[in-house]
Amino acid sequence: MTASLAEKGTIRASSLTGFIDLVDRLGGDSTELLRENGIEPEELDNPDNVLHYSAVAGVIEESACRLQCPDFGLRLAEQQDLMILGQLAIMALNKPTVGSALDTIAQFINYYAAGLIVQLRHGWQPDKVLLELVINTSMENPRQVYELSVGVAYKIMRILSGDTFHANSVLVRTDSPLEQKRYWRFFHAPVALTQEVNGLLFDNGYLDKKIDINNPHLRDLVAHHIGGVVGTPPDSLRYRVETAIRRLLSTHRSTLKNVAQQLGMTPDELSTALQLEPIDFETLRDRIRRERADAYLCEEQIPIDQVAAMLGFDGKHELAEACRRWFDVSPLERRHHLRKQGP
């Protein structure tokens, strides 16, 4: 989901998920297009890498033009889903309702892109809510970026709400040569062009819909994402425990009891099984927190109290104590050190 980025802002490499495959299928040279816009292809290997937003927007618009593909943004959106938000997606999926998940995304969206704003606007129409995406760019007509953004927002709503999600309308700020039937094929809703905002308009009721994290499709999404992060064989106990900890960390529920429940075990059974590995639960959770602390602290736009919340701490004082133990410095000093090292 792309929103309100300053021209010199940054965005995660996950925003180009599916780009190389799409360009190659269309007969283009993805390496050439990326490098012409200041992006090395290897930078896309790690979805957490930080790219300049202007470079990402530029390569998307240039690819559509060079490949004579007027629906390039929609095609790229078809390759993406909620998991481009990384750890933020895990946080959202662990919220009880769609509305609270969207609030979490809006609150912590700077983890995905610096300066990004996503907002819910109530009362846009009676009994409707607008999920608005504001994209500030000096580009004259960034239509592909707009359509990619609302396309991914639509995919995210279908994951959070279920496949029955229906938008009343899709709003896009630019004009377009595409026929409505092309938009309908993607959104199953009318698309209004040359609007004052970009976003999705839908019934208020969706905000109260409960998120079923035990849905097999959602569990597969989470497992696939965390599997790439953890790098541990998916059939091992360690992998399953790490997966559960990462899912529960930002919800303040990453305890032995809750992790055991996620795995269908009692706390005693899990403790015994971990001793046979041998793995200490608290040590494992602490290592994951330390890894994620660096990932969050290197992003200056994420306030320290939000970093603490994302790591499952009860306030920034607990984060400060952990940073002293891990790095022998305060969170702000660790942030300064990481920023000196560069992205």
C-alpha atoms as a PDB file:
ATOM      1  CA  MET A   1       0.000   0.000   0.000  1.00  0.00           C
ATOM      2  CA  THR A   2       1.669   3.209  -1.068  1.00  0.00           C
ATOM      3  CA  ALA A   3       0.672   6.507   0.478  1.00  0.00           C
ATOM      4  CA  SER A   4       1.816  10.074   1.123  1.00  0.00           C
ATOM      5  CA  LEU A   5       5.524   9.705   0.483  1.00  0.00           C
ATOM      6  CA  ALA A   6       7.871  12.634   0.397  1.00  0.00           C
ATOM      7  CA  GLU A   7       9.785  12.721  -2.864  1.00  0.00           C
ATOM      8  CA  LYS A   8      12.992  11.751  -1.060  1.00  0.00           C
ATOM      9  CA  GLY A   9      11.260   9.063   0.992  1.00  0.00           C
ATOM     10  CA  THR A  10      12.134   5.404   1.155  1.00  0.00           C
ATOM     11  CA  ILE A  11      10.171   2.220   0.690  1.00  0.00           C
ATOM     12  CA  ARG A  12      10.887  -1.464   1.218  1.00  0.00           C
ATOM     13  CA  ALA A  13      12.103  -3.593  -1.652  1.00  0.00           C
ATOM     14  CA  SER A  14       9.031  -5.773  -1.109  1.00  0.00           C
ATOM     15  CA  SER A  15       7.109  -3.038  -2.984  1.00  0.00           C
ATOM     16  CA  LEU A  16       8.599  -4.529  -6.161  1.00  0.00           C
ATOM     17  CA  THR A  17       7.565  -8.102  -5.378  1.00  0.00           C
ATOM     18  CA  GLY A  18       6.834  -9.833  -8.688  1.00  0.00           C
ATOM     19  CA  PHE A  19       8.426  -7.054 -10.752  1.00  0.00           C
ATOM     20  CA  ILE A  20      11.233  -9.097 -12.303  1.00  0.00           C
ATOM     21  CA  ASP A  21       8.955 -12.005 -13.264  1.00  0.00           C
ATOM     22  CA  LEU A  22       6.359  -9.656 -14.729  1.00  0.00           C
ATOM     23  CA  VAL A  23       8.857  -7.711 -16.846  1.00  0.00           C
ATOM     24  CA  ASP A  24      10.493 -10.905 -18.065  1.00  0.00           C
ATOM     25  CA  ARG A  25       7.104 -12.368 -19.041  1.00  0.00           C
ATOM     26  CA  LEU A  26       6.361  -9.213 -21.015  1.00  0.00           C
ATOM     27  CA  GLY A  27       9.636  -9.612 -22.924  1.00  0.00           C
ATOM     28  CA  GLY A  28      11.480  -6.778 -21.194  1.00  0.00           C
ATOM     29  CA  ASP A  29      14.895  -6.518 -19.568  1.00  0.00           C
ATOM     30  CA  SER A  30      14.250  -6.147 -15.850  1.00  0.00           C
ATOM     31  CA  THR A  31      17.946  -5.684 -15.028  1.00  0.00           C
ATOM     32  CA  GLU A  32      18.266  -2.798 -17.476  1.00  0.00           C
ATOM     33  CA  LEU A  33      15.077  -1.118 -16.267  1.00  0.00           C
ATOM     34  CA  LEU A  34      16.079  -1.399 -12.625  1.00  0.00           C
ATOM     35  CA  ARG A  35      19.606  -0.082 -13.143  1.00  0.00           C
ATOM     36  CA  GLU A  36      18.406   2.800 -15.277  1.00  0.00           C
ATOM     37  CA  ASN A  37      16.389   3.888 -12.249  1.00  0.00           C
ATOM     38  CA  GLY A  38      19.206   3.450  -9.752  1.00  0.00           C
ATOM     39  CA  ILE A  39      18.229   0.034  -8.383  1.00  0.00           C
ATOM     40  CA  GLU A  40      20.539  -2.981  -8.472  1.00  0.00           C
ATOM     41  CA  PRO A  41      18.613  -6.235  -9.118  1.00  0.00           C
ATOM     42  CA  GLU A  42      20.297  -7.845  -6.085  1.00  0.00           C
ATOM     43  CA  GLU A  43      18.600  -5.290  -3.848  1.00  0.00           C
ATOM     44  CA  LEU A  44      15.279  -7.056  -4.487  1.00  0.00           C
ATOM     45  CA  ASP A  45      16.625 -10.330  -3.067  1.00  0.00           C
ATOM     46  CA  ASN A  46      15.916  -9.094   0.459  1.00  0.00           C
ATOM     47  CA  PRO A  47      12.376  -7.675   0.767  1.00  0.00           C
ATOM     48  CA  ASP A  48      13.444  -5.642   3.822  1.00  0.00           C
ATOM     49  CA  ASN A  49      16.040  -3.647   1.854  1.00  0.00           C
ATOM     50  CA  VAL A  50      15.320   0.073   1.713  1.00  0.00           C
ATOM     51  CA  LEU A  51      14.980   1.771  -1.691  1.00  0.00           C
ATOM     52  CA  HIS A  52      14.379   5.369  -2.710  1.00  0.00           C
ATOM     53  CA  TYR A  53      10.691   5.863  -3.395  1.00  0.00           C
ATOM     54  CA  SER A  54      11.396   7.997  -6.462  1.00  0.00           C
ATOM     55  CA  ALA A  55      13.406   5.107  -7.947  1.00  0.00           C
ATOM     56  CA  VAL A  56      10.613   2.591  -7.306  1.00  0.00           C
ATOM     57  CA  ALA A  57       7.955   4.881  -8.764  1.00  0.00           C
ATOM     58  CA  GLY A  58      10.199   5.658 -11.727  1.00  0.00           C
ATOM     59  CA  VAL A  59      10.875   2.055 -12.671  1.00  0.00           C
ATOM     60  CA  ILE A  60       7.167   1.187 -12.483  1.00  0.00           C
ATOM     61  CA  GLU A  61       6.109   4.060 -14.756  1.00  0.00           C
ATOM     62  CA  GLU A  62       9.037   3.515 -17.131  1.00  0.00           C
ATOM     63  CA  SER A  63       8.322  -0.208 -17.418  1.00  0.00           C
ATOM     64  CA  ALA A  64       4.697   0.417 -18.408  1.00  0.00           C
ATOM     65  CA  CYS A  65       5.814   2.867 -21.084  1.00  0.00           C
ATOM     66  CA  ARG A  66       8.750   0.859 -22.429  1.00  0.00           C
ATOM     67  CA  LEU A  67       6.806  -2.397 -22.551  1.00  0.00           C
ATOM     68  CA  GLN A  68       3.660  -0.723 -23.925  1.00  0.00           C
ATOM     69  CA  CYS A  69       1.675  -2.291 -21.098  1.00  0.00           C
ATOM     70  CA  PRO A  70      -1.064   0.151 -20.030  1.00  0.00           C
ATOM     71  CA  ASP A  71      -2.227  -2.083 -17.151  1.00  0.00           C
ATOM     72  CA  PHE A  72       1.272  -2.701 -15.732  1.00  0.00           C
ATOM     73  CA  GLY A  73       0.326  -1.401 -12.270  1.00  0.00           C
ATOM     74  CA  LEU A  74      -2.656  -3.746 -12.023  1.00  0.00           C
ATOM     75  CA  ARG A  75      -0.591  -6.683 -13.236  1.00  0.00           C
ATOM     76  CA  LEU A  76       2.042  -5.989 -10.599  1.00  0.00           C
ATOM     77  CA  ALA A  77      -0.661  -5.708  -7.929  1.00  0.00           C
ATOM     78  CA  GLU A  78      -1.817  -9.194  -8.919  1.00  0.00           C
ATOM     79  CA  GLN A  79       1.610 -10.466  -7.783  1.00  0.00           C
ATOM     80  CA  GLN A  80       1.409  -8.845  -4.339  1.00  0.00           C
ATOM     81  CA  ASP A  81      -0.589  -9.102  -1.137  1.00  0.00           C
ATOM     82  CA  LEU A  82      -0.599  -8.099   2.528  1.00  0.00           C
ATOM     83  CA  MET A  83       2.768  -9.763   3.171  1.00  0.00           C
ATOM     84  CA  ILE A  84       4.691  -7.030   1.324  1.00  0.00           C
ATOM     85  CA  LEU A  85       4.266  -5.169   4.638  1.00  0.00           C
ATOM     86  CA  GLY A  86       6.517  -7.723   6.336  1.00  0.00           C
ATOM     87  CA  GLN A  87       6.341  -7.766  10.130  1.00  0.00           C
ATOM     88  CA  LEU A  88       3.583  -5.168   9.974  1.00  0.00           C
ATOM     89  CA  ALA A  89       1.418  -7.743   8.192  1.00  0.00           C
ATOM     90  CA  ILE A  90       1.925 -10.154  11.095  1.00  0.00           C
ATOM     91  CA  MET A  91       0.886  -7.433  13.532  1.00  0.00           C
ATOM     92  CA  ALA A  92      -2.252  -6.682  11.512  1.00  0.00           C
ATOM     93  CA  LEU A  93      -3.278 -10.329  11.243  1.00  0.00           C
ATOM     94  CA  ASN A  94      -3.097 -10.731  15.005  1.00  0.00           C
ATOM     95  CA  LYS A  95      -5.688  -7.992  15.567  1.00  0.00           C
ATOM     96  CA  PRO A  96      -9.248  -9.143  16.308  1.00  0.00           C
ATOM     97  CA  THR A  97     -11.067  -7.153  13.604  1.00  0.00           C
ATOM     98  CA  VAL A  98     -10.494  -5.690  10.164  1.00  0.00           C
ATOM     99  CA  GLY A  99     -10.873  -2.181  11.569  1.00  0.00           C
ATOM    100  CA  SER A 100      -8.238  -2.684  14.252  1.00  0.00           C
ATOM    101  CA  ALA A 101      -5.921  -4.288  11.679  1.00  0.00           C
ATOM    102  CA  LEU A 102      -6.267  -1.253   9.404  1.00  0.00           C
ATOM    103  CA  ASP A 103      -5.643   1.045  12.370  1.00  0.00           C
ATOM    104  CA  THR A 104      -2.439  -0.880  13.118  1.00  0.00           C
ATOM    105  CA  ILE A 105      -1.302  -0.596   9.515  1.00  0.00           C
ATOM    106  CA  ALA A 106      -1.990   3.135   9.571  1.00  0.00           C
ATOM    107  CA  GLN A 107      -0.132   3.586  12.870  1.00  0.00           C
ATOM    108  CA  PHE A 108       3.005   1.652  11.965  1.00  0.00           C
ATOM    109  CA  ILE A 109       3.086   2.096   8.182  1.00  0.00           C
ATOM    110  CA  ASN A 110       6.368   4.033   8.399  1.00  0.00           C
ATOM    111  CA  TYR A 111       8.053   0.669   8.919  1.00  0.00           C
ATOM    112  CA  TYR A 112       7.174  -0.119   5.308  1.00  0.00           C
ATOM    113  CA  ALA A 113       7.745   3.326   3.810  1.00  0.00           C
ATOM    114  CA  ALA A 114       9.078   6.526   5.357  1.00  0.00           C
ATOM    115  CA  GLY A 115       6.515   9.303   5.513  1.00  0.00           C
ATOM    116  CA  LEU A 116       3.682   7.091   4.349  1.00  0.00           C
ATOM    117  CA  ILE A 117       0.115   7.822   5.484  1.00  0.00           C
ATOM    118  CA  VAL A 118      -2.895   5.512   5.198  1.00  0.00           C
ATOM    119  CA  GLN A 119      -6.168   6.732   6.663  1.00  0.00           C
ATOM    120  CA  LEU A 120      -9.766   5.691   7.117  1.00  0.00           C
ATOM    121  CA  ARG A 121     -12.219   8.502   6.332  1.00  0.00           C
ATOM    122  CA  HIS A 122     -15.632   7.916   7.830  1.00  0.00           C
ATOM    123  CA  GLY A 123     -18.745   9.581   6.460  1.00  0.00           C
ATOM    124  CA  TRP A 124     -17.429   9.896   2.920  1.00  0.00           C
ATOM    125  CA  GLN A 125     -20.840   8.558   1.998  1.00  0.00           C
ATOM    126  CA  PRO A 126     -23.627   7.423   4.357  1.00  0.00           C
ATOM    127  CA  ASP A 127     -22.714   4.081   5.980  1.00  0.00           C
ATOM    128  CA  LYS A 128     -19.480   3.964   3.948  1.00  0.00           C
ATOM    129  CA  VAL A 129     -15.809   4.359   4.818  1.00  0.00           C
ATOM    130  CA  LEU A 130     -13.000   5.429   2.498  1.00  0.00           C
ATOM    131  CA  LEU A 131      -9.602   3.757   2.788  1.00  0.00           C
ATOM    132  CA  GLU A 132      -7.555   6.635   1.401  1.00  0.00           C
ATOM    133  CA  LEU A 133      -4.059   6.475  -0.090  1.00  0.00           C
ATOM    134  CA  VAL A 134      -2.415   9.852  -0.611  1.00  0.00           C
ATOM    135  CA  ILE A 135       0.605   9.812  -2.920  1.00  0.00           C
ATOM    136  CA  ASN A 136       2.611  13.006  -3.185  1.00  0.00           C
ATOM    137  CA  THR A 137       4.956  12.919  -6.134  1.00  0.00           C
ATOM    138  CA  SER A 138       6.311  15.393  -8.645  1.00  0.00           C
ATOM    139  CA  MET A 139       5.490  12.976 -11.475  1.00  0.00           C
ATOM    140  CA  GLU A 140       3.010  14.490 -13.888  1.00  0.00           C
ATOM    141  CA  ASN A 141       0.861  11.394 -14.279  1.00  0.00           C
ATOM    142  CA  PRO A 142       1.900   8.480 -12.006  1.00  0.00           C
ATOM    143  CA  ARG A 143      -1.090   6.387 -13.037  1.00  0.00           C
ATOM    144  CA  GLN A 144       0.666   3.040 -12.697  1.00  0.00           C
ATOM    145  CA  VAL A 145       1.752   3.842  -9.139  1.00  0.00           C
ATOM    146  CA  TYR A 146      -1.772   4.920  -8.223  1.00  0.00           C
ATOM    147  CA  GLU A 147      -3.323   1.788  -9.696  1.00  0.00           C
ATOM    148  CA  LEU A 148      -0.724  -0.460  -8.069  1.00  0.00           C
ATOM    149  CA  SER A 149      -1.486   1.197  -4.737  1.00  0.00           C
ATOM    150  CA  VAL A 150      -5.262   0.806  -4.833  1.00  0.00           C
ATOM    151  CA  GLY A 151      -4.820  -2.662  -6.301  1.00  0.00           C
ATOM    152  CA  VAL A 152      -2.687  -3.813  -3.374  1.00  0.00           C
ATOM    153  CA  ALA A 153      -5.093  -2.120  -0.943  1.00  0.00           C
ATOM    154  CA  TYR A 154      -7.904  -4.159  -2.494  1.00  0.00           C
ATOM    155  CA  LYS A 155      -5.874  -7.374  -2.167  1.00  0.00           C
ATOM    156  CA  ILE A 156      -5.195  -6.555   1.480  1.00  0.00           C
ATOM    157  CA  MET A 157      -8.888  -5.998   2.178  1.00  0.00           C
ATOM    158  CA  ARG A 158      -9.724  -9.357   0.622  1.00  0.00           C
ATOM    159  CA  ILE A 159      -7.176 -11.061   2.870  1.00  0.00           C
ATOM    160  CA  LEU A 160      -8.375  -9.308   6.024  1.00  0.00           C
ATOM    161  CA  SER A 161     -12.115  -9.518   5.248  1.00  0.00           C
ATOM    162  CA  GLY A 162     -12.242 -12.706   3.216  1.00  0.00           C
ATOM    163  CA  ASP A 163     -12.937 -13.366  -0.438  1.00  0.00           C
ATOM    164  CA  THR A 164     -16.455 -12.000  -0.059  1.00  0.00           C
ATOM    165  CA  PHE A 165     -15.127  -8.443   0.319  1.00  0.00           C
ATOM    166  CA  HIS A 166     -16.839  -6.074  -2.097  1.00  0.00           C
ATOM    167  CA  ALA A 167     -15.829  -2.460  -2.697  1.00  0.00           C
ATOM    168  CA  ASN A 168     -18.613  -0.080  -3.634  1.00  0.00           C
ATOM    169  CA  SER A 169     -16.206   1.860  -5.824  1.00  0.00           C
ATOM    170  CA  VAL A 170     -12.518   2.446  -6.467  1.00  0.00           C
ATOM    171  CA  LEU A 171     -11.263   6.018  -6.735  1.00  0.00           C
ATOM    172  CA  VAL A 172      -8.222   6.997  -8.807  1.00  0.00           C
ATOM    173  CA  ARG A 173      -6.907  10.515  -9.264  1.00  0.00           C
ATOM    174  CA  THR A 174      -5.732  10.224 -12.871  1.00  0.00           C
ATOM    175  CA  ASP A 175      -7.470   9.536 -16.150  1.00  0.00           C
ATOM    176  CA  SER A 176      -6.845   6.239 -17.924  1.00  0.00           C
ATOM    177  CA  PRO A 177      -7.028   4.664 -21.383  1.00  0.00           C
ATOM    178  CA  LEU A 178      -8.074   1.337 -19.876  1.00  0.00           C
ATOM    179  CA  GLU A 179     -11.615   0.128 -20.399  1.00  0.00           C
ATOM    180  CA  GLN A 180     -13.859  -0.364 -17.377  1.00  0.00           C
ATOM    181  CA  LYS A 181     -14.025  -4.102 -18.057  1.00  0.00           C
ATOM    182  CA  ARG A 182     -10.274  -4.351 -17.327  1.00  0.00           C
ATOM    183  CA  TYR A 183     -10.776  -2.657 -13.986  1.00  0.00           C
ATOM    184  CA  TRP A 184     -13.835  -4.768 -13.281  1.00  0.00           C
ATOM    185  CA  ARG A 185     -11.831  -7.935 -13.879  1.00  0.00           C
ATOM    186  CA  PHE A 186      -9.483  -6.928 -11.044  1.00  0.00           C
ATOM    187  CA  PHE A 187     -11.710  -5.051  -8.574  1.00  0.00           C
ATOM    188  CA  HIS A 188     -15.181  -6.437  -9.370  1.00  0.00           C
ATOM    189  CA  ALA A 189     -16.327  -2.862  -8.751  1.00  0.00           C
ATOM    190  CA  PRO A 190     -16.638   0.357 -10.783  1.00  0.00           C
ATOM    191  CA  VAL A 191     -13.557   2.577 -10.984  1.00  0.00           C
ATOM    192  CA  ALA A 192     -14.072   6.338 -10.881  1.00  0.00           C
ATOM    193  CA  LEU A 193     -11.268   8.253 -12.616  1.00  0.00           C
ATOM    194  CA  THR A 194      -9.976  11.835 -12.190  1.00  0.00           C
ATOM    195  CA  GLN A 195     -11.071  11.883  -8.565  1.00  0.00           C
ATOM    196  CA  GLU A 196      -9.652  14.070  -5.807  1.00  0.00           C
ATOM    197  CA  VAL A 197      -8.347  11.041  -3.890  1.00  0.00           C
ATOM    198  CA  ASN A 198      -7.041   7.513  -4.379  1.00  0.00           C
ATOM    199  CA  GLY A 199      -8.763   4.817  -2.377  1.00  0.00           C
ATOM    200  CA  LEU A 200     -11.419   2.193  -1.796  1.00  0.00           C
ATOM    201  CA  LEU A 201     -14.980   2.962  -0.708  1.00  0.00           C
ATOM    202  CA  PHE A 202     -16.762   0.151   1.163  1.00  0.00           C
ATOM    203  CA  ASP A 203     -19.455  -0.536   3.763  1.00  0.00           C
ATOM    204  CA  ASN A 204     -18.697   0.360   7.394  1.00  0.00           C
ATOM    205  CA  GLY A 205     -19.675  -3.156   8.430  1.00  0.00           C
ATOM    206  CA  TYR A 206     -16.434  -4.638   7.137  1.00  0.00           C
ATOM    207  CA  LEU A 207     -14.506  -2.851   9.891  1.00  0.00           C
ATOM    208  CA  ASP A 208     -16.219  -4.997  12.549  1.00  0.00           C
ATOM    209  CA  LYS A 209     -15.573  -8.280  10.770  1.00  0.00           C
ATOM    210  CA  LYS A 210     -13.394 -10.656  12.788  1.00  0.00           C
ATOM    211  CA  ILE A 211     -10.071 -11.852  11.392  1.00  0.00           C
ATOM    212  CA  ASP A 212      -9.752 -15.627  11.396  1.00  0.00           C
ATOM    213  CA  ILE A 213      -6.018 -16.233  11.761  1.00  0.00           C
ATOM    214  CA  ASN A 214      -6.709 -19.981  11.719  1.00  0.00           C
ATOM    215  CA  ASN A 215      -7.983 -19.699   8.156  1.00  0.00           C
ATOM    216  CA  PRO A 216      -5.738 -22.087   6.145  1.00  0.00           C
ATOM    217  CA  HIS A 217      -5.059 -19.424   3.508  1.00  0.00           C
ATOM    218  CA  LEU A 218      -3.886 -16.918   6.127  1.00  0.00           C
ATOM    219  CA  ARG A 219      -1.776 -19.512   7.903  1.00  0.00           C
ATOM    220  CA  ASP A 220      -0.090 -20.406   4.615  1.00  0.00           C
ATOM    221  CA  LEU A 221       0.645 -16.736   3.920  1.00  0.00           C
ATOM    222  CA  VAL A 222       2.210 -16.254   7.339  1.00  0.00           C
ATOM    223  CA  ALA A 223       4.188 -19.496   7.207  1.00  0.00           C
ATOM    224  CA  HIS A 224       5.548 -18.665   3.741  1.00  0.00           C
ATOM    225  CA  HIS A 225       6.610 -15.202   4.868  1.00  0.00           C
ATOM    226  CA  ILE A 226       8.206 -16.273   8.130  1.00  0.00           C
ATOM    227  CA  GLY A 227       9.826 -19.268   6.488  1.00  0.00           C
ATOM    228  CA  GLY A 228      11.774 -16.891   4.271  1.00  0.00           C
ATOM    229  CA  VAL A 229      12.817 -14.823   7.283  1.00  0.00           C
ATOM    230  CA  VAL A 230      13.701 -17.603   9.669  1.00  0.00           C
ATOM    231  CA  GLY A 231      15.558 -19.903   7.287  1.00  0.00           C
ATOM    232  CA  THR A 232      14.926 -22.953   9.492  1.00  0.00           C
ATOM    233  CA  PRO A 233      13.521 -26.236   8.079  1.00  0.00           C
ATOM    234  CA  PRO A 234       9.708 -25.874   8.210  1.00  0.00           C
ATOM    235  CA  ASP A 235       9.171 -29.319   9.721  1.00  0.00           C
ATOM    236  CA  SER A 236      11.387 -28.661  12.764  1.00  0.00           C
ATOM    237  CA  LEU A 237      10.124 -27.747  16.219  1.00  0.00           C
ATOM    238  CA  ARG A 238      12.446 -24.739  16.272  1.00  0.00           C
ATOM    239  CA  TYR A 239      10.878 -23.394  13.077  1.00  0.00           C
ATOM    240  CA  ARG A 240       7.366 -23.816  14.444  1.00  0.00           C
ATOM    241  CA  VAL A 241       8.255 -22.109  17.722  1.00  0.00           C
ATOM    242  CA  GLU A 242      10.054 -19.243  15.970  1.00  0.00           C
ATOM    243  CA  THR A 243       7.092 -18.804  13.650  1.00  0.00           C
ATOM    244  CA  ALA A 244       4.684 -18.591  16.583  1.00  0.00           C
ATOM    245  CA  ILE A 245       6.907 -16.165  18.497  1.00  0.00           C
ATOM    246  CA  ARG A 246       7.207 -13.846  15.499  1.00  0.00           C
ATOM    247  CA  ARG A 247       3.456 -13.931  14.983  1.00  0.00           C
ATOM    248  CA  LEU A 248       2.683 -13.164  18.613  1.00  0.00           C
ATOM    249  CA  LEU A 249       5.539 -10.823  19.481  1.00  0.00           C
ATOM    250  CA  SER A 250       3.855  -7.512  18.693  1.00  0.00           C
ATOM    251  CA  THR A 251       0.597  -8.660  20.307  1.00  0.00           C
ATOM    252  CA  HIS A 252       2.263  -8.972  23.754  1.00  0.00           C
ATOM    253  CA  ARG A 253       1.244 -12.651  23.810  1.00  0.00           C
ATOM    254  CA  SER A 254       4.526 -14.355  22.900  1.00  0.00           C
ATOM    255  CA  THR A 255       4.634 -16.370  26.129  1.00  0.00           C
ATOM    256  CA  LEU A 256       5.444 -20.052  26.483  1.00  0.00           C
ATOM    257  CA  LYS A 257       1.778 -20.723  27.292  1.00  0.00           C
ATOM    258  CA  ASN A 258       0.444 -18.962  24.189  1.00  0.00           C
ATOM    259  CA  VAL A 259       3.077 -20.412  21.874  1.00  0.00           C
ATOM    260  CA  ALA A 260       2.307 -23.887  23.173  1.00  0.00           C
ATOM    261  CA  GLN A 261      -1.383 -23.284  22.534  1.00  0.00           C
ATOM    262  CA  GLN A 262      -0.584 -22.208  18.956  1.00  0.00           C
ATOM    263  CA  LEU A 263       1.249 -25.514  18.460  1.00  0.00           C
ATOM    264  CA  GLY A 264      -1.506 -27.636  20.034  1.00  0.00           C
ATOM    265  CA  MET A 265       0.624 -28.511  23.053  1.00  0.00           C
ATOM    266  CA  THR A 266       0.589 -27.853  26.783  1.00  0.00           C
ATOM    267  CA  PRO A 267       3.324 -25.593  28.225  1.00  0.00           C
ATOM    268  CA  ASP A 268       4.927 -28.597  29.945  1.00  0.00           C
ATOM    269  CA  GLU A 269       4.936 -30.621  26.713  1.00  0.00           C
ATOM    270  CA  LEU A 270       6.555 -27.758  24.816  1.00  0.00           C
ATOM    271  CA  SER A 271       9.160 -27.171  27.534  1.00  0.00           C
ATOM    272  CA  THR A 272      10.082 -30.862  27.507  1.00  0.00           C
ATOM    273  CA  ALA A 273      10.303 -30.959  23.708  1.00  0.00           C
ATOM    274  CA  LEU A 274      12.517 -27.859  23.643  1.00  0.00           C
ATOM    275  CA  GLN A 275      14.859 -29.338  26.239  1.00  0.00           C
ATOM    276  CA  LEU A 276      15.441 -32.292  23.908  1.00  0.00           C
ATOM    277  CA  GLU A 277      16.576 -29.983  21.047  1.00  0.00           C
ATOM    278  CA  PRO A 278      18.082 -28.393  23.255  1.00  0.00           C
ATOM    279  CA  ILE A 279      16.490 -24.927  22.988  1.00  0.00           C
ATOM    280  CA  ASP A 280      15.636 -22.466  25.737  1.00  0.00           C
ATOM    281  CA  PHE A 281      12.373 -20.648  25.013  1.00  0.00           C
ATOM    282  CA  GLU A 282      13.327 -17.341  26.649  1.00  0.00           C
ATOM    283  CA  THR A 283      16.714 -17.312  24.893  1.00  0.00           C
ATOM    284  CA  LEU A 284      15.033 -17.965  21.550  1.00  0.00           C
ATOM    285  CA  ARG A 285      12.494 -15.166  22.060  1.00  0.00           C
ATOM    286  CA  ASP A 286      15.224 -12.795  23.201  1.00  0.00           C
ATOM    287  CA  ARG A 287      17.272 -13.497  20.052  1.00  0.00           C
ATOM    288  CA  ILE A 288      14.280 -12.799  17.820  1.00  0.00           C
ATOM    289  CA  ARG A 289      13.604  -9.556  19.684  1.00  0.00           C
ATOM    290  CA  ARG A 290      17.233  -8.514  19.247  1.00  0.00           C
ATOM    291  CA  GLU A 291      17.106  -9.194  15.496  1.00  0.00           C
ATOM    292  CA  ARG A 292      13.882  -7.231  15.068  1.00  0.00           C
ATOM    293  CA  ALA A 293      15.154  -4.403  17.298  1.00  0.00           C
ATOM    294  CA  ASP A 294      17.900  -3.612  14.800  1.00  0.00           C
ATOM    295  CA  ALA A 295      15.455  -3.841  11.894  1.00  0.00           C
ATOM    296  CA  TYR A 296      13.160  -1.286  13.544  1.00  0.00           C
ATOM    297  CA  LEU A 297      15.741   1.011  15.148  1.00  0.00           C
ATOM    298  CA  CYS A 298      17.508   1.634  11.846  1.00  0.00           C
ATOM    299  CA  GLU A 299      14.310   3.330  10.648  1.00  0.00           C
ATOM    300  CA  GLU A 300      14.469   6.841  12.166  1.00  0.00           C
ATOM    301  CA  GLN A 301      10.821   7.590  11.422  1.00  0.00           C
ATOM    302  CA  ILE A 302       9.595   4.856  13.826  1.00  0.00           C
ATOM    303  CA  PRO A 303       9.328   6.359  17.342  1.00  0.00           C
ATOM    304  CA  ILE A 304      11.099   4.478  20.125  1.00  0.00           C
ATOM    305  CA  ASP A 305       7.846   3.746  21.944  1.00  0.00           C
ATOM    306  CA  GLN A 306       6.454   2.154  18.759  1.00  0.00           C
ATOM    307  CA  VAL A 307       9.618   0.032  18.431  1.00  0.00           C
ATOM    308  CA  ALA A 308       9.023  -1.165  21.985  1.00  0.00           C
ATOM    309  CA  ALA A 309       5.406  -2.046  21.184  1.00  0.00           C
ATOM    310  CA  MET A 310       6.347  -3.912  18.005  1.00  0.00           C
ATOM    311  CA  LEU A 311       8.808  -5.997  20.032  1.00  0.00           C
ATOM    312  CA  GLY A 312       6.163  -6.840  22.640  1.00  0.00           C
ATOM    313  CA  PHE A 313       7.659  -4.776  25.468  1.00  0.00           C
ATOM    314  CA  ASP A 314       5.509  -2.976  28.047  1.00  0.00           C
ATOM    315  CA  GLY A 315       6.950   0.457  27.345  1.00  0.00           C
ATOM    316  CA  LYS A 316      10.219   1.933  26.152  1.00  0.00           C
ATOM    317  CA  HIS A 317      11.847   1.464  29.568  1.00  0.00           C
ATOM    318  CA  GLU A 318      11.848  -2.318  28.950  1.00  0.00           C
ATOM    319  CA  LEU A 319      13.336  -1.757  25.514  1.00  0.00           C
ATOM    320  CA  ALA A 320      16.026   0.444  27.065  1.00  0.00           C
ATOM    321  CA  GLU A 321      16.936  -2.293  29.542  1.00  0.00           C
ATOM    322  CA  ALA A 322      17.118  -4.863  26.722  1.00  0.00           C
ATOM    323  CA  CYS A 323      19.284  -2.605  24.548  1.00  0.00           C
ATOM    324  CA  ARG A 324      21.704  -2.093  27.420  1.00  0.00           C
ATOM    325  CA  ARG A 325      21.926  -5.861  27.803  1.00  0.00           C
ATOM    326  CA  TRP A 326      22.230  -6.578  24.054  1.00  0.00           C
ATOM    327  CA  PHE A 327      24.373  -3.697  22.845  1.00  0.00           C
ATOM    328  CA  ASP A 328      25.530  -1.866  25.992  1.00  0.00           C
ATOM    329  CA  VAL A 329      23.913   1.341  24.692  1.00  0.00           C
ATOM    330  CA  SER A 330      20.513   3.041  24.806  1.00  0.00           C
ATOM    331  CA  PRO A 331      17.965   2.583  21.969  1.00  0.00           C
ATOM    332  CA  LEU A 332      18.763   6.064  20.615  1.00  0.00           C
ATOM    333  CA  GLU A 333      22.500   5.367  20.688  1.00  0.00           C
ATOM    334  CA  ARG A 334      21.922   2.061  18.888  1.00  0.00           C
ATOM    335  CA  ARG A 335      19.798   3.871  16.291  1.00  0.00           C
ATOM    336  CA  HIS A 336      22.578   6.427  15.741  1.00  0.00           C
ATOM    337  CA  HIS A 337      25.122   3.629  15.293  1.00  0.00           C
ATOM    338  CA  LEU A 338      22.920   1.786  12.796  1.00  0.00           C
ATOM    339  CA  ARG A 339      22.249   4.945  10.786  1.00  0.00           C
ATOM    340  CA  LYS A 340      25.999   5.638  10.574  1.00  0.00           C
ATOM    341  CA  GLN A 341      26.425   2.190   9.032  1.00  0.00           C
ATOM    342  CA  GLY A 342      23.936   3.104   6.290  1.00  0.00           C
ATOM    343  CA  PRO A 343      20.947   1.140   4.895  1.00  0.00           C
END
